[in-house]
Protein backbone atom coordinates (compact mmCIF):
# COMPACT_ATOMS: atom_id res chain seq x y z
CA MET A 1 0.10 0.43 -0.41
CA LYS A 2 1.32 3.54 -1.15
CA LYS A 3 2.08 5.92 1.58
CA ASN A 4 1.02 9.57 1.45
CA LYS A 5 3.72 12.25 1.96
CA LYS A 6 3.36 14.95 5.14
CA PHE A 7 3.53 18.37 3.71
CA THR A 8 5.99 20.71 5.90
CA LEU A 9 6.89 24.37 5.35
CA ASN A 10 10.55 23.47 4.82
CA GLY A 11 9.53 21.41 2.03
CA PHE A 12 7.42 24.09 0.52
CA LEU A 13 10.28 27.01 0.94
CA SER A 14 12.83 24.59 -0.48
CA ASN A 15 10.81 24.00 -3.75
CA ASN A 16 12.72 26.09 -6.54
CA LYS A 17 9.25 26.19 -8.35
CA VAL A 18 7.23 27.33 -6.04
CA MET A 19 9.28 30.08 -4.79
CA PHE A 20 9.93 31.87 -8.52
CA ILE A 21 5.93 32.19 -8.92
CA VAL A 22 6.11 33.44 -5.73
CA SER A 23 8.50 36.47 -6.32
CA VAL A 24 6.99 36.82 -9.41
CA LEU A 25 3.67 37.63 -8.05
CA ILE A 26 5.73 39.97 -5.30
CA SER A 27 7.45 41.81 -7.91
CA MET A 28 3.77 42.37 -9.82
CA THR A 29 2.17 43.36 -7.03
CA ILE A 30 4.92 46.08 -5.94
CA TRP A 31 5.04 47.46 -9.87
CA LEU A 32 1.65 47.81 -9.84
CA TYR A 33 1.26 49.59 -6.36
CA MET A 34 4.05 51.86 -7.53
CA SER A 35 2.09 52.61 -11.06
CA TYR A 36 -0.95 53.44 -9.70
CA GLY A 37 0.44 55.84 -6.62
CA THR A 38 2.79 57.83 -9.19
CA SER A 39 0.29 58.49 -11.29
CA ASN A 40 -1.99 60.29 -8.76
CA ASP A 41 -1.18 63.91 -7.71
CA THR A 42 -0.80 64.72 -3.93
CA ASN A 43 0.15 67.51 -2.12
CA VAL A 44 2.71 68.55 -0.02
CA THR A 45 4.07 72.03 1.90
CA VAL A 46 7.16 73.11 1.61
CA SER A 47 8.84 75.26 4.44
CA GLY A 48 11.37 77.36 5.19
CA ILE A 49 11.76 78.82 1.97
CA PRO A 50 13.98 81.98 2.25
CA ILE A 51 12.31 85.30 1.25
CA GLN A 52 14.03 86.87 -1.15
CA ILE A 53 14.15 91.16 -0.70
CA GLU A 54 16.00 93.03 -3.18
CA LEU A 55 15.77 96.91 -3.64
CA SER A 56 15.63 99.08 -6.65
CA ASP A 57 19.22 99.78 -7.89
CA GLU A 58 17.85 103.55 -7.49
CA ALA A 59 17.56 103.16 -4.12
CA MET A 60 20.64 101.40 -3.18
CA ASN A 61 23.00 103.55 -4.67
CA ALA A 62 20.99 106.70 -2.84
CA GLY A 63 22.55 104.86 0.04
CA LEU A 64 19.04 102.88 1.43
CA MET A 65 19.38 99.34 3.10
CA ILE A 66 16.97 97.26 4.74
CA PHE A 67 17.81 97.01 8.61
CA SER A 68 15.37 94.34 9.31
CA GLY A 69 12.62 91.78 8.21
CA GLN A 70 15.11 90.86 5.29
CA GLU A 71 15.89 86.96 6.98
CA GLN A 72 12.38 85.60 7.06
CA THR A 73 11.36 82.29 5.72
CA ALA A 74 7.80 81.30 4.16
CA SER A 75 5.89 78.06 3.20
CA VAL A 76 3.70 77.10 0.06
CA THR A 77 1.77 74.40 -0.68
CA VAL A 78 2.87 72.14 -3.87
CA THR A 79 0.88 69.43 -6.28
CA GLY A 80 2.15 66.73 -8.21
CA ASN A 81 2.96 63.14 -8.40
CA ARG A 82 4.96 61.18 -5.37
CA ALA A 83 8.15 60.74 -7.32
CA THR A 84 8.39 64.33 -8.31
CA LEU A 85 6.95 65.54 -4.36
CA GLY A 86 9.39 62.82 -2.85
CA ALA A 87 12.63 65.09 -4.34
CA ILE A 88 11.16 68.58 -3.95
CA LYS A 89 13.79 70.73 -1.85
CA GLU A 90 13.19 74.89 -0.92
CA SER A 91 15.35 75.79 -3.43
CA ASP A 92 12.83 74.32 -5.90
CA ILE A 93 10.54 77.54 -4.89
CA THR A 94 11.16 81.15 -5.40
CA VAL A 95 9.76 83.48 -2.94
CA THR A 96 9.89 87.08 -3.51
CA ALA A 97 8.66 90.27 -1.43
CA ALA A 98 8.50 93.06 -3.64
CA ALA A 99 10.49 95.66 -2.70
CA ASN A 100 11.66 97.68 -6.54
CA THR A 101 8.99 100.61 -5.63
CA ILE A 102 10.52 101.56 -2.17
CA ASP A 103 12.39 105.20 -2.30
CA SER A 104 12.67 106.52 0.87
CA ALA A 105 13.45 105.20 4.70
CA GLY A 106 10.78 104.25 6.80
CA ASP A 107 9.10 100.85 7.76
CA TYR A 108 6.80 98.86 4.84
CA SER A 109 4.81 95.65 4.53
CA LEU A 110 5.65 94.14 1.60
CA PRO A 111 3.33 91.35 -0.55
CA VAL A 112 4.96 87.80 -0.95
CA SER A 113 4.62 85.91 -4.06
CA ALA A 114 5.96 82.67 -4.83
CA ALA A 115 7.00 80.39 -8.01
CA LYS A 116 8.75 77.70 -9.31
CA THR A 117 12.62 78.30 -9.47
CA ASN A 118 12.48 76.02 -12.82
CA PRO A 119 9.32 76.79 -14.93
CA THR A 120 9.38 73.49 -16.40
CA SER A 121 9.53 71.22 -12.92
CA THR A 122 6.25 69.26 -13.23
CA PHE A 123 4.70 69.96 -9.68
CA GLN A 124 2.32 73.12 -9.50
CA ILE A 125 2.09 75.73 -6.56
CA THR A 126 -1.49 75.46 -5.25
CA SER A 127 -1.62 77.75 -2.72
CA ALA A 128 -0.90 81.37 -1.21
CA VAL A 129 2.10 82.18 0.38
CA ALA A 130 2.68 82.20 4.32
CA PRO A 131 3.54 84.59 5.05
CA SER A 132 1.52 86.64 2.44
CA SER A 133 3.16 89.68 3.82
CA ILE A 134 6.21 90.84 5.80
CA LYS A 135 7.50 93.74 7.32
CA VAL A 136 10.88 95.40 6.80
CA ALA A 137 12.35 98.98 7.99
CA VAL A 138 14.50 100.48 5.49
CA ASP A 139 16.86 103.26 6.07
CA TYR A 140 20.18 105.00 5.18
CA LEU A 141 23.36 103.44 6.46
CA ARG A 142 25.22 105.78 8.81
CA GLU A 143 28.40 105.67 11.08
CA THR A 144 29.29 107.78 14.37
CA GLY A 145 32.25 108.01 16.81
CA PHE A 146 31.63 108.26 20.26
CA GLN A 147 34.22 108.46 23.51
CA LEU A 148 33.36 105.24 25.18
CA GLN A 149 32.58 106.20 28.88
CA GLU A 150 33.40 104.30 31.88
CA ASN A 151 30.57 102.89 34.04
CA VAL A 152 32.05 100.50 36.15
CA VAL A 153 30.68 99.32 39.91
CA TYR A 154 33.01 99.03 42.61
CA LYS A 155 34.20 99.07 46.43
CA VAL A 156 37.24 99.78 47.56
CA ALA A 157 38.54 99.32 51.16
CA ASP A 158 39.42 102.04 53.26
CA GLY A 159 42.71 103.80 53.09
CA TYR A 160 42.66 102.43 49.39
CA TYR A 161 42.40 105.12 46.02
CA ALA A 162 40.65 103.15 43.05
CA SER A 163 40.93 104.61 39.26
CA THR A 164 39.55 102.90 36.03
CA THR A 165 41.53 102.98 32.49
CA LEU A 166 39.48 101.56 29.70
CA SER A 167 41.53 99.18 27.01
CA ALA A 168 39.46 101.74 24.02
CA LYS A 169 38.57 105.38 24.36
CA THR A 170 36.75 105.35 20.76
CA ILE A 171 34.06 103.13 19.24
CA ASN A 172 32.28 103.71 16.07
CA VAL A 173 28.80 102.83 15.79
CA SER A 174 27.19 102.23 12.48
CA GLY A 175 23.05 101.68 11.63
CA PRO A 176 20.24 102.86 10.53
CA GLN A 177 20.31 106.72 10.66
CA THR A 178 17.23 107.09 12.83
CA GLU A 179 18.79 104.62 15.66
CA ILE A 180 22.06 106.46 15.58
CA ALA A 181 20.46 109.87 16.07
CA LYS A 182 18.95 108.29 18.93
CA ILE A 183 22.25 107.64 20.72
CA ASP A 184 23.44 110.15 23.39
CA ARG A 185 26.53 108.32 24.94
CA VAL A 186 28.06 104.77 24.79
CA ALA A 187 29.73 103.23 27.99
CA ALA A 188 31.78 100.55 28.92
CA VAL A 189 29.52 98.85 31.82
CA ALA A 190 30.58 96.27 34.49
CA GLU A 191 30.01 95.61 38.16
CA ILE A 192 33.00 93.83 40.11
CA GLY A 193 31.71 92.14 43.70
CA GLY A 194 33.12 91.96 46.68
CA THR A 195 35.63 94.97 48.26
CA LEU A 196 38.89 95.75 46.47
CA THR A 197 42.33 95.84 47.91
CA ASP A 198 44.27 95.07 44.98
CA SER A 199 44.20 95.73 41.31
CA VAL A 200 42.12 94.03 38.78
CA THR A 201 40.90 93.93 35.04
CA VAL A 202 37.36 92.71 33.39
CA ASP A 203 35.36 92.71 30.91
CA THR A 204 32.95 95.08 30.43
CA ASP A 205 29.80 95.19 28.22
CA ILE A 206 29.04 97.81 25.81
CA VAL A 207 25.86 99.79 26.35
CA VAL A 208 24.35 102.37 24.38
CA TYR A 209 21.84 105.02 26.02
CA ASP A 210 19.75 107.91 24.43
CA LYS A 211 19.33 111.45 25.92
CA ASP A 212 17.30 110.81 28.92
CA GLY A 213 19.64 107.75 30.33
CA TYR A 214 17.35 104.68 29.07
CA GLU A 215 19.45 101.93 27.52
CA LEU A 216 18.76 101.30 23.59
CA ASP A 217 18.49 98.44 21.52
CA THR A 218 21.23 97.89 19.56
CA ASP A 219 19.77 94.76 17.25
CA LEU A 220 20.43 96.92 14.63
CA LEU A 221 23.64 98.79 15.56
CA THR A 222 27.14 97.62 14.42
CA MET A 223 30.18 98.19 16.68
CA ASP A 224 33.85 98.12 15.77
CA ILE A 225 34.82 96.89 18.99
CA THR A 226 32.25 94.37 20.96
CA LYS A 227 34.35 94.03 24.50
CA VAL A 228 36.69 96.69 26.14
CA LYS A 229 38.41 95.60 29.20
CA ALA A 230 38.42 97.59 32.40
CA THR A 231 41.43 98.08 34.59
CA VAL A 232 41.23 99.02 38.17
CA SER A 233 44.18 100.21 39.93
CA VAL A 234 43.78 100.00 43.64
CA LEU A 235 46.56 102.06 45.92
CA PRO A 236 47.10 102.71 49.02
CA GLU A 237 46.75 106.08 50.39
CA LYS A 238 48.86 108.59 52.23
CA THR A 239 48.75 112.15 53.43
CA VAL A 240 51.68 114.03 53.43
CA SER A 241 52.79 117.89 54.13
CA VAL A 242 53.56 120.38 51.16
CA LYS A 243 56.87 121.70 51.14
CA PRO A 244 58.12 125.15 49.65
CA VAL A 245 61.18 124.95 47.78
CA PHE A 246 63.91 128.00 47.14
CA THR A 247 66.42 128.25 44.79
CA ASN A 248 69.37 131.52 45.33
CA LYS A 249 67.89 131.26 48.90
CA PRO A 250 71.08 132.76 51.21
CA SER A 251 71.96 129.37 53.49
CA GLY A 252 71.81 130.96 57.08
CA LEU A 253 68.45 132.97 56.24
CA ASN A 254 65.57 131.14 58.23
CA ILE A 255 61.96 131.22 57.09
CA SER A 256 59.77 130.94 60.15
CA ASP A 257 56.63 129.79 60.35
CA ASP A 258 55.33 133.39 60.89
CA MET A 259 56.94 134.59 57.76
CA ILE A 260 55.12 131.90 55.30
CA SER A 261 51.90 129.90 54.86
CA VAL A 262 51.17 127.49 52.62
CA LYS A 263 47.97 126.46 51.55
CA PRO A 264 46.91 123.51 51.23
CA SER A 265 49.34 122.58 53.81
CA SER A 266 48.89 118.84 52.95
CA ILE A 267 47.62 116.51 50.34
CA LEU A 268 46.57 112.84 49.77
CA LEU A 269 48.44 110.70 47.59
CA ALA A 270 47.86 107.19 46.36
CA GLY A 271 50.63 105.33 45.13
CA PRO A 272 52.81 102.06 45.34
CA LYS A 273 53.22 101.15 49.14
CA ASN A 274 56.94 101.22 49.23
CA ILE A 275 57.17 104.45 47.65
CA LEU A 276 54.41 105.89 50.20
CA GLU A 277 56.70 104.52 52.85
CA LYS A 278 59.89 107.19 52.05
CA THR A 279 57.72 110.16 51.44
CA GLU A 280 56.63 112.33 53.66
CA SER A 281 56.39 115.42 51.96
CA VAL A 282 56.05 116.73 48.18
CA ASN A 283 58.01 120.01 46.86
CA LEU A 284 56.11 123.23 45.42
CA GLN A 285 57.62 124.52 42.34
CA ALA A 286 60.66 126.76 42.99
CA ILE A 287 60.38 130.08 44.37
CA ASP A 288 63.45 132.21 43.05
CA PHE A 289 64.69 134.15 46.14
CA ALA A 290 66.38 136.93 43.20
CA THR A 291 62.55 137.83 42.55
CA LEU A 292 61.86 139.00 46.09
CA LYS A 293 61.81 142.32 48.16
CA ASN A 294 61.63 143.16 51.45
CA GLU A 295 57.49 142.87 51.11
CA GLU A 296 55.02 140.55 51.44
CA VAL A 297 54.14 138.47 47.98
CA SER A 298 51.97 135.78 47.15
CA PHE A 299 52.19 132.90 44.43
CA GLU A 300 48.52 131.89 43.74
CA SER A 301 49.50 128.55 41.86
CA LEU A 302 52.45 126.66 42.56
CA GLY A 303 52.68 123.33 41.13
CA ILE A 304 52.89 120.15 43.21
CA ASP A 305 55.81 117.24 42.15
CA ILE A 306 54.47 114.24 43.35
CA PRO A 307 56.57 111.19 43.23
CA SER A 308 56.65 108.81 40.08
CA ASP A 309 54.02 106.56 39.70
CA CYS A 310 51.89 107.96 42.47
CA LYS A 311 48.52 110.31 41.80
CA ASN A 312 47.32 113.86 43.43
CA ILE A 313 43.93 112.57 44.70
CA SER A 314 43.07 115.86 46.61
CA ASN A 315 41.37 118.69 44.85
CA SER A 316 44.01 120.74 44.60
CA THR A 317 46.76 120.05 41.83
CA THR A 318 48.48 123.74 42.62
CA ALA A 319 49.18 125.70 46.18
CA LYS A 320 49.32 128.95 47.35
CA VAL A 321 52.11 130.34 49.10
CA THR A 322 52.63 133.58 51.11
CA LEU A 323 56.05 134.96 52.16
CA ASP A 324 56.33 137.96 54.14
CA LEU A 325 59.83 139.58 53.97
CA SER A 326 58.69 142.99 54.79
CA ALA A 327 60.89 142.92 58.14
CA LEU A 328 63.85 142.40 56.30
CA ASP A 329 65.96 145.92 54.93
CA SER A 330 67.36 146.43 51.88
CA LYS A 331 70.15 148.65 50.05
CA SER A 332 72.50 149.32 47.22
CA PHE A 333 76.08 148.80 46.74
CA ASP A 334 78.25 149.40 43.90
CA VAL A 335 80.77 147.03 44.07
CA GLU A 336 83.92 146.89 42.56
CA HIS A 337 85.58 143.67 43.53
CA ILE A 338 84.69 141.46 40.53
CA THR A 339 85.88 137.82 39.56
CA VAL A 340 85.62 135.25 36.94
CA LYS A 341 84.84 131.91 37.25
CA GLY A 342 84.52 128.85 34.57
CA LEU A 343 86.87 130.10 32.09
CA SER A 344 88.67 127.23 30.41
CA ASP A 345 92.48 127.24 30.98
CA LYS A 346 93.00 128.08 27.17
CA TYR A 347 91.15 131.48 27.41
CA LYS A 348 91.88 134.57 29.47
CA SER A 349 89.43 137.11 30.07
CA GLU A 350 89.22 141.10 31.04
CA VAL A 351 86.20 142.37 32.71
CA THR A 352 85.55 145.92 30.74
CA GLN A 353 83.37 147.27 33.41
CA GLN A 354 84.51 149.09 36.62
CA SER A 355 81.62 148.41 38.80
CA ILE A 356 78.35 146.77 39.38
CA LYS A 357 75.61 148.79 41.46
CA VAL A 358 73.47 145.98 43.34
CA THR A 359 70.64 146.03 45.54
CA VAL A 360 70.85 143.44 48.54
CA ILE A 361 67.78 142.10 50.68
CA GLY A 362 68.34 141.35 54.35
CA PRO A 363 67.90 141.50 57.99
CA LYS A 364 68.69 145.27 59.32
CA SER A 365 71.60 144.18 61.43
CA ASP A 366 73.50 142.71 58.27
CA LEU A 367 73.12 145.50 56.08
CA GLU A 368 74.26 147.99 58.10
CA ASP A 369 77.55 146.41 59.14
CA MET A 370 78.05 145.75 55.15
CA GLU A 371 80.54 147.68 53.05
CA ALA A 372 81.00 147.12 49.18
CA SER A 373 84.25 146.27 49.48
CA SER A 374 83.13 143.29 51.28
CA ILE A 375 80.93 142.06 48.39
CA THR A 376 82.47 140.37 45.74
CA ALA A 377 80.82 139.85 41.95
CA VAL A 378 81.42 136.44 40.41
CA ILE A 379 80.68 137.04 37.00
CA ASP A 380 80.16 132.88 35.97
CA THR A 381 81.65 132.14 32.38
CA THR A 382 81.02 128.09 32.56
CA ASP A 383 78.28 128.39 29.75
CA SER A 384 80.31 130.81 27.20
CA ASN A 385 80.72 127.70 24.94
CA GLY A 386 84.35 129.12 23.46
CA LYS A 387 83.04 132.00 22.59
CA THR A 388 85.78 135.08 22.12
CA GLY A 389 85.69 138.89 22.30
CA SER A 390 83.48 141.06 24.05
CA VAL A 391 80.41 139.38 25.50
CA GLN A 392 77.88 139.26 28.45
CA MET A 393 78.06 137.33 31.40
CA PRO A 394 75.41 136.76 34.14
CA VAL A 395 76.88 137.87 37.37
CA THR A 396 76.10 136.61 41.45
CA PHE A 397 77.34 137.98 44.55
CA THR A 398 79.19 136.40 47.77
CA PHE A 399 78.59 138.98 50.84
CA GLY A 400 81.50 138.35 53.08
CA ASP A 401 80.61 136.85 56.42
CA SER A 402 76.92 137.56 55.90
CA ASP A 403 74.72 134.19 54.82
CA LYS A 404 71.66 135.54 55.17
CA CYS A 405 71.45 138.41 52.58
CA TRP A 406 70.83 138.41 48.53
CA ALA A 407 70.85 140.20 45.47
CA TYR A 408 67.75 141.14 44.15
CA GLY A 409 67.12 141.20 40.32
CA GLU A 410 68.92 139.53 37.22
CA TYR A 411 72.21 141.09 36.90
CA ASN A 412 75.12 140.55 34.01
CA ALA A 413 78.94 142.02 33.23
CA ASN A 414 80.38 142.72 30.29
CA LEU A 415 83.97 141.33 29.51
CA THR A 416 86.29 140.50 26.77
CA ILE A 417 87.38 136.73 26.45
CA THR A 418 90.42 135.86 24.05
CA GLU A 419 92.89 132.98 23.04
CA LYS A 420 96.17 132.77 25.37
């Protein structure tokens, strides 16, 4: 008796004839599906299409520019077969905002339209562009320079002084002229926390203000620098006295406190610690005793000389000195004793005048005892620089045993210099 063969899946799949028939059926099914699908139109919305905005040549030649609204995108719906729409890109559609009629600065609402980039493309645009219009700001480009102001907030410890310097002093700002016209000042702004006892450098923000002190939006502005460093120099302080300085002052003449006053008598210095530790006073611009008579005189604005690397942080940068010499006396002498100093050994000199009349200021007792014969006129030829012939040179005086007197005024003497 003949047995029936049992059906198995493995046996079915291993049958080459069967598998050939199955493959043909699947291929036909896929082909029929694709043929049916691509032969029918469908809709696709294309988004993120850049909106092109172009001013007319006349507007651009006049200096007009679009400052806002030029980086917008749009979307449109297109119709076509699946194969075409499956490969469509944003660049296949051109979206344009009509700006060719703009001829002046202002805010504009521009209609937006779309078209196929390639007119022969097989898809069709079937909806209006979204958005249907866009807003743009058009203006003239302007650039203006501003002094950069410092607005760095900080706190220093007691006994210290701080000052701020910026890495840039000016800034150029460009943008729409209507926005530039609103700017009153530009500042470098920062805030430093804590209490400072040492110098520090920080980055600042650039802030633009209007005339009322309100901060302006800078989205439409361009600056040639966007960050500025601010250095806060922190130095210790010290109060030092202000001292008058004299030239041609007699070595023995004592200027007592009741004869002189200095205002201010002290100032506040800020500087490196090692310099302040050895600085107890600062000097004034020198007063020449040759210009002083036996009277009261005031010097209103003598400059104050401060040490290097220090700052004078007092309100006054000059001092007033009042000198009362009215208790002294004056007397004139004809001085015949004239000598020459400073002449090179290569030269010789001959004084061509017999005497020099000099006015002497000093204590009354010294002048009463003084004789013309005790006074010597000294012609200083140090600066003759090889001059020969008849020349005029400055004269100074010595007064014998008296070291409390001086000659009032400037004196010169005539002499002849020749080579030996």
